[in-house]
């Protein structure tokens, strides 16, 4: 997730204060990982330094002054370019999951037990995402589906790898 570009996109929708940007980011993009306030304000400072946002007005608040940010043409152009570029497909050719299985085999450790433990962890997370999908709104359902599809692919890989452990052991332990 690109926090700066996401904040710029939210600002293109409407000028906002940092607090409002954090609230909207967390509501739509920060499921399970809310954006820290410090990161919001440091990102806005860098965006202002780089000419992508400007401060339109400053109002006194109960704490620090409340700054209202507006996206500039430079920032809007960057958002447009980002939105129109496809995301690079991630082939996941060097995953932690794969590395652990290979190392377990190299070190003569029980790779099958590791795969069973990983399968259980994946199934547990799938139950959590299914509940989120059931109880939440459309945004939650779409995010949960994305996670579920990735977990399903991992489970297929775990099954296929488990069936090939003997052959893989021979290849990584000459």
Protein backbone atom coordinates (compact mmCIF):
# COMPACT_ATOMS: atom_id res chain seq x y z
CA UNK A 1 0.00 0.00 0.00
CA UNK A 2 1.37 3.40 -0.95
CA UNK A 3 0.39 5.66 1.93
CA UNK A 4 1.46 8.92 0.21
CA UNK A 5 -0.48 8.16 -2.97
CA UNK A 6 -3.50 6.96 -1.04
CA UNK A 7 -3.54 10.17 1.02
CA UNK A 8 -3.18 12.19 -2.20
CA UNK A 9 -6.15 10.31 -3.65
CA UNK A 10 -8.23 11.10 -0.58
CA UNK A 11 -7.22 14.76 -0.90
CA UNK A 12 -8.21 14.81 -4.57
CA UNK A 13 -11.68 13.78 -3.43
CA UNK A 14 -11.84 16.77 -1.06
CA UNK A 15 -9.50 19.03 0.94
CA UNK A 16 -9.08 17.64 4.45
CA UNK A 17 -7.40 17.92 7.80
CA UNK A 18 -4.87 15.27 8.82
CA UNK A 19 -7.29 13.79 11.37
CA UNK A 20 -9.96 13.34 8.68
CA UNK A 21 -7.45 11.74 6.31
CA UNK A 22 -6.44 9.25 9.00
CA UNK A 23 -10.07 8.43 9.74
CA UNK A 24 -10.87 7.83 6.06
CA UNK A 25 -7.65 5.87 5.45
CA UNK A 26 -8.37 3.60 8.41
CA UNK A 27 -12.01 3.14 7.37
CA UNK A 28 -11.23 2.10 3.80
CA UNK A 29 -7.62 0.89 3.68
CA UNK A 30 -6.33 0.24 7.19
CA UNK A 31 -8.25 -2.88 8.14
CA UNK A 32 -6.25 -4.50 10.91
CA UNK A 33 -3.43 -1.98 10.53
CA UNK A 34 -4.53 1.59 11.27
CA UNK A 35 -2.28 4.38 10.12
CA UNK A 36 -0.41 6.05 13.02
CA UNK A 37 -1.06 9.78 13.38
CA UNK A 38 2.67 10.48 13.22
CA UNK A 39 2.88 8.76 9.83
CA UNK A 40 -0.04 10.81 8.51
CA UNK A 41 1.55 14.12 9.47
CA UNK A 42 5.07 13.21 8.40
CA UNK A 43 3.71 12.04 5.03
CA UNK A 44 1.72 15.27 4.63
CA UNK A 45 4.86 17.28 5.44
CA UNK A 46 6.82 15.45 2.73
CA UNK A 47 3.97 15.90 0.25
CA UNK A 48 3.92 19.64 1.02
CA UNK A 49 7.72 19.85 0.70
CA UNK A 50 7.49 18.11 -2.70
CA UNK A 51 4.77 20.49 -3.93
CA UNK A 52 2.03 17.86 -4.09
CA UNK A 53 -0.17 19.46 -1.42
CA UNK A 54 -0.53 22.92 0.06
CA UNK A 55 -1.99 24.10 3.32
CA UNK A 56 -5.08 26.17 2.59
CA UNK A 57 -5.81 27.46 6.06
CA UNK A 58 -4.79 26.94 9.66
CA UNK A 59 -7.35 27.00 12.44
CA UNK A 60 -6.61 26.87 16.15
CA UNK A 61 -7.69 23.64 17.82
CA UNK A 62 -7.70 22.21 21.32
CA UNK A 63 -4.22 20.84 20.57
CA UNK A 64 -1.97 21.76 17.66
CA UNK A 65 -3.33 24.06 14.96
CA UNK A 66 -5.56 22.28 12.47
CA UNK A 67 -4.16 22.49 8.96
CA UNK A 68 -6.37 21.90 5.97
CA UNK A 69 -4.56 20.28 3.05
CA UNK A 70 -5.37 20.67 -0.65
CA UNK A 71 -3.87 18.62 -3.46
CA UNK A 72 -1.92 20.56 -6.11
CA UNK A 73 -1.87 19.91 -9.85
CA UNK A 74 1.43 18.08 -9.36
CA UNK A 75 -0.18 15.80 -6.76
CA UNK A 76 -3.28 15.22 -8.89
CA UNK A 77 -1.09 14.30 -11.88
CA UNK A 78 0.79 11.79 -9.73
CA UNK A 79 -2.48 10.22 -8.53
CA UNK A 80 -3.73 9.98 -12.11
CA UNK A 81 -0.52 8.27 -13.25
CA UNK A 82 -0.62 5.87 -10.28
CA UNK A 83 -4.26 4.92 -10.84
CA UNK A 84 -3.76 4.20 -14.53
CA UNK A 85 -0.63 2.04 -14.10
CA UNK A 86 -1.25 -1.67 -13.45
CA UNK A 87 0.14 -3.15 -10.26
CA UNK A 88 3.07 -5.47 -10.95
CA UNK A 89 1.92 -9.06 -10.51
CA UNK A 90 3.80 -10.55 -7.60
CA UNK A 91 5.03 -14.00 -8.49
CA UNK A 92 5.96 -14.80 -4.88
CA UNK A 93 8.95 -16.84 -6.03
CA UNK A 94 10.86 -16.21 -2.80
CA UNK A 95 8.29 -16.62 -0.04
CA UNK A 96 8.96 -17.27 3.62
CA UNK A 97 6.73 -20.34 3.40
CA UNK A 98 8.89 -21.86 0.66
CA UNK A 99 12.14 -20.97 2.44
CA UNK A 100 11.00 -22.63 5.67
CA UNK A 101 10.05 -25.87 3.91
CA UNK A 102 13.35 -26.07 2.03
CA UNK A 103 15.41 -25.24 5.14
CA UNK A 104 13.48 -27.77 7.21
CA UNK A 105 14.36 -30.43 4.64
CA UNK A 106 18.00 -29.30 4.41
CA UNK A 107 18.32 -29.42 8.20
CA UNK A 108 16.51 -32.75 8.49
CA UNK A 109 13.66 -31.21 10.41
CA UNK A 110 10.00 -32.27 10.10
CA UNK A 111 8.84 -30.23 7.08
CA UNK A 112 5.51 -32.09 6.97
CA UNK A 113 4.75 -30.98 10.54
CA UNK A 114 5.61 -27.41 9.59
CA UNK A 115 3.22 -27.62 6.63
CA UNK A 116 0.48 -28.99 8.91
CA UNK A 117 1.01 -26.13 11.36
CA UNK A 118 0.94 -23.61 8.52
CA UNK A 119 -2.23 -25.18 7.11
CA UNK A 120 -3.91 -24.78 10.51
CA UNK A 121 -2.84 -21.13 10.71
CA UNK A 122 -4.20 -20.49 7.21
CA UNK A 123 -7.52 -22.17 8.01
CA UNK A 124 -7.82 -20.12 11.21
CA UNK A 125 -7.23 -16.89 9.27
CA UNK A 126 -9.74 -17.99 6.62
CA UNK A 127 -12.38 -18.43 9.33
CA UNK A 128 -11.62 -14.91 10.61
CA UNK A 129 -11.91 -13.44 7.12
CA UNK A 130 -15.13 -15.35 6.46
CA UNK A 131 -16.62 -13.86 9.63
CA UNK A 132 -15.45 -10.38 8.60
CA UNK A 133 -17.08 -10.91 5.22
CA UNK A 134 -20.32 -12.07 6.84
CA UNK A 135 -20.52 -9.29 9.44
CA UNK A 136 -19.08 -6.36 7.49
CA UNK A 137 -20.10 -4.22 4.59
CA UNK A 138 -19.03 -4.32 0.97
CA UNK A 139 -15.54 -2.90 1.64
CA UNK A 140 -14.91 -5.58 4.28
CA UNK A 141 -16.27 -8.30 1.98
CA UNK A 142 -14.05 -7.30 -0.93
CA UNK A 143 -10.94 -7.09 1.26
CA UNK A 144 -11.81 -10.44 2.87
CA UNK A 145 -12.29 -12.04 -0.57
CA UNK A 146 -8.86 -10.81 -1.66
CA UNK A 147 -7.27 -12.35 1.41
CA UNK A 148 -9.28 -15.56 1.12
CA UNK A 149 -8.25 -16.13 -2.49
CA UNK A 150 -4.58 -15.72 -1.59
CA UNK A 151 -4.95 -18.09 1.35
CA UNK A 152 -6.71 -20.65 -0.87
CA UNK A 153 -3.80 -20.53 -3.31
CA UNK A 154 -1.38 -21.02 -0.41
CA UNK A 155 -3.39 -24.02 0.80
CA UNK A 156 -3.21 -25.59 -2.66
CA UNK A 157 0.55 -25.02 -2.63
CA UNK A 158 0.83 -26.56 0.86
CA UNK A 159 -1.04 -29.67 -0.31
CA UNK A 160 1.03 -30.01 -3.48
CA UNK A 161 4.29 -29.47 -1.62
CA UNK A 162 3.33 -31.96 1.08
CA UNK A 163 2.81 -34.57 -1.62
CA UNK A 164 6.26 -33.83 -3.07
CA UNK A 165 8.33 -33.60 0.10
CA UNK A 166 10.30 -36.79 -0.57
CA UNK A 167 11.29 -35.63 -4.06
CA UNK A 168 12.14 -32.15 -2.79
CA UNK A 169 14.21 -33.62 0.06
CA UNK A 170 16.28 -35.53 -2.49
CA UNK A 171 16.83 -32.38 -4.51
CA UNK A 172 17.90 -30.13 -1.63
CA UNK A 173 19.91 -32.77 0.31
CA UNK A 174 22.21 -34.41 -2.19
